[in-house]
Each structure stands twice: as C-alpha cells, then as structure tokens.
Amino acid sequence: MVLLNGRRISSFSEIRDIPTEAIQRVEILPEEVALKYGYRADQKVVNFVLRRRFRAVTAEAIDRMPTEGARTRRRPSSIY
C-alpha cells in the first residue's frame, strides 16, 4: 500500500511523475498501519513525504537531423 503525505492514493501511477528532488523522505510504516486503511495486517505500508515548498523548472529540447534532403525539425518545450 502506498501513501502520499499520509493519504492513501489509488495507484502508483499517481506518484510516478513526481521528481525525486521533491521527496523529503520515504517511510516504511509498521504492518499494523495497514489495518487503519482497510488492508490486511501483513501488508507493508510505504509513505512518501514531499517537501513543503518545492519549485522546479524543467526544459527539454529535441533536435532531429534530416537523412535525405528533409528539413531539420526542432521542438523546444518547457514545464513550470
């Protein structure tokens, strides 16, 4: 079972795009905590704790070289 800041999430796909720099710590909680969330007592609970204030700027540039007389295609993008 996976928690994000102590709250249950539906699947791991909800946190797969979180940058590793935004994670403050990862806690492996006692098995008894699973009972609190409606799971069996023998299941592990992992809690990802995020930093309170995290800001990142990500930029990506793609450049493709022509092979037979085509034009070079560039597609810059940025995420804030």
N, C-alpha and C. Protein backbone atom coordinates (compact mmCIF):
# COMPACT_ATOMS: atom_id res chain seq x y z
N MET A 1 0.84 -1.17 0.00
CA MET A 1 0.00 0.00 0.00
C MET A 1 0.88 1.23 0.00
N VAL A 2 0.49 2.25 -0.77
CA VAL A 2 1.30 3.46 -0.91
C VAL A 2 0.50 4.66 -0.43
N LEU A 3 1.17 5.48 0.38
CA LEU A 3 0.58 6.73 0.87
C LEU A 3 1.41 7.90 0.35
N LEU A 4 0.76 9.02 0.15
CA LEU A 4 1.44 10.25 -0.24
C LEU A 4 1.11 11.29 0.82
N ASN A 5 2.11 11.68 1.59
CA ASN A 5 1.93 12.59 2.73
C ASN A 5 0.86 12.08 3.69
N GLY A 6 0.85 10.78 3.92
CA GLY A 6 -0.07 10.18 4.87
C GLY A 6 -1.47 9.92 4.34
N ARG A 7 -1.70 10.21 3.07
CA ARG A 7 -3.02 9.98 2.47
C ARG A 7 -2.93 8.86 1.46
N ARG A 8 -3.93 8.03 1.46
CA ARG A 8 -3.98 6.88 0.57
C ARG A 8 -4.19 7.35 -0.88
N ILE A 9 -3.46 6.74 -1.80
CA ILE A 9 -3.64 7.04 -3.22
C ILE A 9 -4.15 5.79 -3.92
N SER A 10 -4.75 5.98 -5.08
CA SER A 10 -5.39 4.85 -5.75
C SER A 10 -4.38 3.92 -6.42
N SER A 11 -3.29 4.49 -6.95
CA SER A 11 -2.30 3.63 -7.60
C SER A 11 -0.94 4.33 -7.63
N PHE A 12 0.07 3.56 -7.94
CA PHE A 12 1.43 4.08 -8.00
C PHE A 12 1.59 5.09 -9.14
N SER A 13 0.73 5.01 -10.14
CA SER A 13 0.83 5.93 -11.29
C SER A 13 0.61 7.39 -10.87
N GLU A 14 -0.04 7.62 -9.74
CA GLU A 14 -0.25 8.98 -9.26
C GLU A 14 1.05 9.65 -8.83
N ILE A 15 2.04 8.88 -8.45
CA ILE A 15 3.28 9.48 -7.95
C ILE A 15 4.48 9.22 -8.86
N ARG A 16 4.29 8.55 -9.96
CA ARG A 16 5.43 8.21 -10.81
C ARG A 16 6.09 9.42 -11.46
N ASP A 17 5.36 10.52 -11.63
CA ASP A 17 5.93 11.70 -12.27
C ASP A 17 6.46 12.73 -11.28
N ILE A 18 6.43 12.43 -10.01
CA ILE A 18 6.96 13.34 -9.00
C ILE A 18 8.49 13.28 -9.07
N PRO A 19 9.15 14.43 -9.21
CA PRO A 19 10.62 14.41 -9.26
C PRO A 19 11.21 13.95 -7.93
N THR A 20 12.30 13.23 -8.00
CA THR A 20 12.92 12.70 -6.78
C THR A 20 13.36 13.82 -5.84
N GLU A 21 13.67 14.99 -6.38
CA GLU A 21 14.09 16.12 -5.55
C GLU A 21 12.96 16.63 -4.67
N ALA A 22 11.71 16.35 -5.04
CA ALA A 22 10.56 16.81 -4.27
C ALA A 22 10.26 15.91 -3.08
N ILE A 23 10.86 14.73 -3.04
CA ILE A 23 10.62 13.79 -1.95
C ILE A 23 11.57 14.09 -0.79
N GLN A 24 10.99 14.38 0.35
CA GLN A 24 11.80 14.66 1.54
C GLN A 24 12.30 13.38 2.19
N ARG A 25 11.38 12.40 2.31
CA ARG A 25 11.76 11.11 2.89
C ARG A 25 10.72 10.06 2.51
N VAL A 26 11.11 8.80 2.66
CA VAL A 26 10.22 7.67 2.43
C VAL A 26 10.17 6.87 3.73
N GLU A 27 8.96 6.63 4.21
CA GLU A 27 8.78 5.91 5.47
C GLU A 27 8.18 4.54 5.19
N ILE A 28 8.74 3.52 5.82
CA ILE A 28 8.16 2.19 5.82
C ILE A 28 7.46 2.04 7.17
N LEU A 29 6.15 2.02 7.13
CA LEU A 29 5.37 2.03 8.37
C LEU A 29 5.10 0.61 8.86
N PRO A 30 4.81 0.46 10.15
CA PRO A 30 4.51 -0.86 10.70
C PRO A 30 3.32 -1.50 10.00
N GLU A 31 3.32 -2.81 9.98
CA GLU A 31 2.26 -3.55 9.27
C GLU A 31 0.88 -3.28 9.86
N GLU A 32 0.80 -2.94 11.13
CA GLU A 32 -0.49 -2.69 11.77
C GLU A 32 -1.18 -1.46 11.19
N VAL A 33 -0.42 -0.55 10.59
CA VAL A 33 -1.00 0.65 10.00
C VAL A 33 -1.92 0.29 8.83
N ALA A 34 -1.65 -0.82 8.17
CA ALA A 34 -2.49 -1.26 7.05
C ALA A 34 -3.93 -1.49 7.51
N LEU A 35 -4.13 -1.93 8.73
CA LEU A 35 -5.48 -2.14 9.26
C LEU A 35 -6.28 -0.84 9.29
N LYS A 36 -5.61 0.24 9.59
CA LYS A 36 -6.26 1.55 9.64
C LYS A 36 -6.85 1.94 8.28
N TYR A 37 -6.21 1.48 7.22
CA TYR A 37 -6.65 1.82 5.87
C TYR A 37 -7.48 0.71 5.22
N GLY A 38 -7.83 -0.31 5.98
CA GLY A 38 -8.71 -1.35 5.48
C GLY A 38 -8.02 -2.50 4.78
N TYR A 39 -6.72 -2.66 4.97
CA TYR A 39 -5.97 -3.76 4.36
C TYR A 39 -5.60 -4.79 5.43
N ARG A 40 -5.07 -5.92 4.99
CA ARG A 40 -4.63 -6.96 5.93
C ARG A 40 -3.44 -6.47 6.74
N ALA A 41 -3.29 -7.02 7.92
CA ALA A 41 -2.21 -6.60 8.82
C ALA A 41 -0.83 -7.02 8.31
N ASP A 42 -0.77 -7.97 7.39
CA ASP A 42 0.54 -8.43 6.91
C ASP A 42 1.02 -7.64 5.69
N GLN A 43 0.29 -6.60 5.27
CA GLN A 43 0.72 -5.80 4.12
C GLN A 43 1.62 -4.65 4.57
N LYS A 44 2.59 -4.34 3.75
CA LYS A 44 3.50 -3.23 4.04
C LYS A 44 2.87 -1.92 3.62
N VAL A 45 3.22 -0.86 4.34
CA VAL A 45 2.72 0.48 4.03
C VAL A 45 3.94 1.38 3.81
N VAL A 46 3.97 2.04 2.64
CA VAL A 46 5.05 2.95 2.29
C VAL A 46 4.46 4.35 2.17
N ASN A 47 5.05 5.30 2.88
CA ASN A 47 4.57 6.68 2.86
C ASN A 47 5.65 7.57 2.25
N PHE A 48 5.31 8.24 1.14
CA PHE A 48 6.20 9.21 0.52
C PHE A 48 5.85 10.58 1.08
N VAL A 49 6.82 11.23 1.72
CA VAL A 49 6.62 12.55 2.30
C VAL A 49 7.31 13.57 1.39
N LEU A 50 6.52 14.51 0.89
CA LEU A 50 7.04 15.52 -0.03
C LEU A 50 7.50 16.76 0.72
N ARG A 51 8.44 17.48 0.12
CA ARG A 51 8.88 18.76 0.69
C ARG A 51 7.72 19.75 0.66
N ARG A 52 7.66 20.61 1.66
CA ARG A 52 6.56 21.58 1.73
C ARG A 52 6.61 22.57 0.58
N ARG A 53 7.76 23.11 0.33
CA ARG A 53 7.91 24.11 -0.73
C ARG A 53 8.95 23.60 -1.72
N PHE A 54 8.46 23.18 -2.84
CA PHE A 54 9.36 22.68 -3.88
C PHE A 54 8.95 23.32 -5.19
N ARG A 55 9.92 23.88 -5.87
CA ARG A 55 9.66 24.51 -7.16
C ARG A 55 10.75 24.05 -8.13
N ALA A 56 10.34 23.69 -9.31
CA ALA A 56 11.30 23.22 -10.31
C ALA A 56 10.91 23.75 -11.68
N VAL A 57 11.91 23.96 -12.48
CA VAL A 57 11.71 24.33 -13.88
C VAL A 57 12.41 23.28 -14.70
N THR A 58 11.69 22.68 -15.62
CA THR A 58 12.24 21.63 -16.46
C THR A 58 12.13 22.06 -17.91
N ALA A 59 13.21 21.90 -18.65
CA ALA A 59 13.20 22.23 -20.08
C ALA A 59 13.68 21.03 -20.86
N GLU A 60 13.14 20.89 -22.05
CA GLU A 60 13.51 19.77 -22.90
C GLU A 60 13.59 20.27 -24.33
N ALA A 61 14.62 19.86 -25.05
CA ALA A 61 14.77 20.24 -26.45
C ALA A 61 15.02 18.98 -27.26
N ILE A 62 14.35 18.90 -28.39
CA ILE A 62 14.51 17.75 -29.28
C ILE A 62 14.98 18.26 -30.63
N ASP A 63 16.00 17.65 -31.17
CA ASP A 63 16.53 18.04 -32.46
C ASP A 63 16.66 16.80 -33.32
N ARG A 64 16.12 16.85 -34.51
CA ARG A 64 16.21 15.71 -35.42
C ARG A 64 16.97 16.13 -36.66
N MET A 65 17.90 15.34 -37.08
CA MET A 65 18.71 15.64 -38.27
C MET A 65 18.08 14.96 -39.48
N PRO A 66 18.04 15.68 -40.60
CA PRO A 66 17.49 15.08 -41.81
C PRO A 66 18.41 14.00 -42.37
N THR A 67 17.82 13.03 -43.04
CA THR A 67 18.63 11.97 -43.63
C THR A 67 18.76 12.10 -45.14
N GLU A 68 17.71 12.59 -45.81
CA GLU A 68 17.78 12.73 -47.27
C GLU A 68 17.09 14.00 -47.73
N GLY A 69 17.72 15.15 -47.49
CA GLY A 69 17.22 16.41 -48.00
C GLY A 69 16.02 16.99 -47.28
N ALA A 70 15.55 16.40 -46.22
CA ALA A 70 14.42 16.95 -45.47
C ALA A 70 14.90 18.08 -44.58
N ARG A 71 13.99 18.82 -44.03
CA ARG A 71 14.35 19.93 -43.15
C ARG A 71 14.63 19.42 -41.74
N THR A 72 15.45 20.15 -41.03
CA THR A 72 15.70 19.85 -39.62
C THR A 72 14.49 20.33 -38.82
N ARG A 73 14.05 19.51 -37.92
CA ARG A 73 12.86 19.83 -37.12
C ARG A 73 13.26 19.99 -35.66
N ARG A 74 12.94 21.13 -35.09
CA ARG A 74 13.25 21.39 -33.69
C ARG A 74 11.96 21.66 -32.95
N ARG A 75 11.89 21.13 -31.75
CA ARG A 75 10.67 21.29 -30.96
C ARG A 75 11.04 21.54 -29.50
N PRO A 76 11.26 22.81 -29.11
CA PRO A 76 11.57 23.08 -27.70
C PRO A 76 10.29 23.08 -26.87
N SER A 77 10.42 22.75 -25.62
CA SER A 77 9.28 22.79 -24.70
C SER A 77 9.79 23.06 -23.30
N SER A 78 8.91 23.55 -22.47
CA SER A 78 9.27 23.78 -21.07
C SER A 78 8.06 23.51 -20.19
N ILE A 79 8.34 23.13 -18.95
CA ILE A 79 7.30 22.83 -17.97
C ILE A 79 7.59 23.65 -16.73
N TYR A 80 6.58 24.36 -16.22
CA TYR A 80 6.75 25.14 -14.99
C TYR A 80 5.94 24.57 -13.90
